[in-house]
Amino acid sequence: MIYLELFWSFFQIGLFSIGGGYAAMPLIQEQVVQVHPWLSATEFIDLITISQMTPGPIAINSATFVGMRIAGLGGALVATAGCVFPSCILMLILAKLYLRYKNMTAFQGVLKGLRPTVVALIASAGLTILLTALWGEEILSSLRAPDWIAVVLFGISFFVLRRYKVNPIWVMAGSGILGGALYLLL
């Protein structure tokens, strides 16, 4: 039964992840935190962090991680297959349609209409992750000060990425080292 739940959850994520990995984050969060409480909100943030640090798309890495955690190697395989299967089928269909109708005005209108929605999905996921990272899981249930170390790390990382265009991997590594040191010392 758990294999079917994993496959179906990640099949839905794969089917409705229009816009790529970042746009899939709200869908992944809904399935693995809310619909099936397989992970807490904090564990979900950790999942996204791990998915960013490993090669491959976020949705597939998340499926593999959650499947492995819930049902071992079989769960990882089933969840990953569920995530990949609809994308393969949809991509074949869309490639055929795009090649045939790419110059149609209506088709271009659909593509232009999807762009703002994808940006909204990414912004929603980013805001949820930011709020959870700075205030923790209970942000809505209690008004408390943010985690100031997290706020400082966020500010420094954002500044370095925007100003100096440093490779994000180096920023993540530096933030991990600095965060580890700060949390141990304070």
Foldseek 3Di string as FASTA:
>chain_A
DVLVLLLVLLLVLLQPQPQFQLLSLVSLCCSCVPVPNLDHLVVSLVLQVVLVLDDDGSSLSSQLVSLCSPPRNSRSVSNNCSNVVNNVVVVVVVVVVCVVCVPPPVVVVVVVVVVVVSVVSNVVSVVSSLCCQFANRCVPVDPDGTPVLSVVLVVVLVCCCVPVVDDVNVSVVVSVVVVVVVVVVD
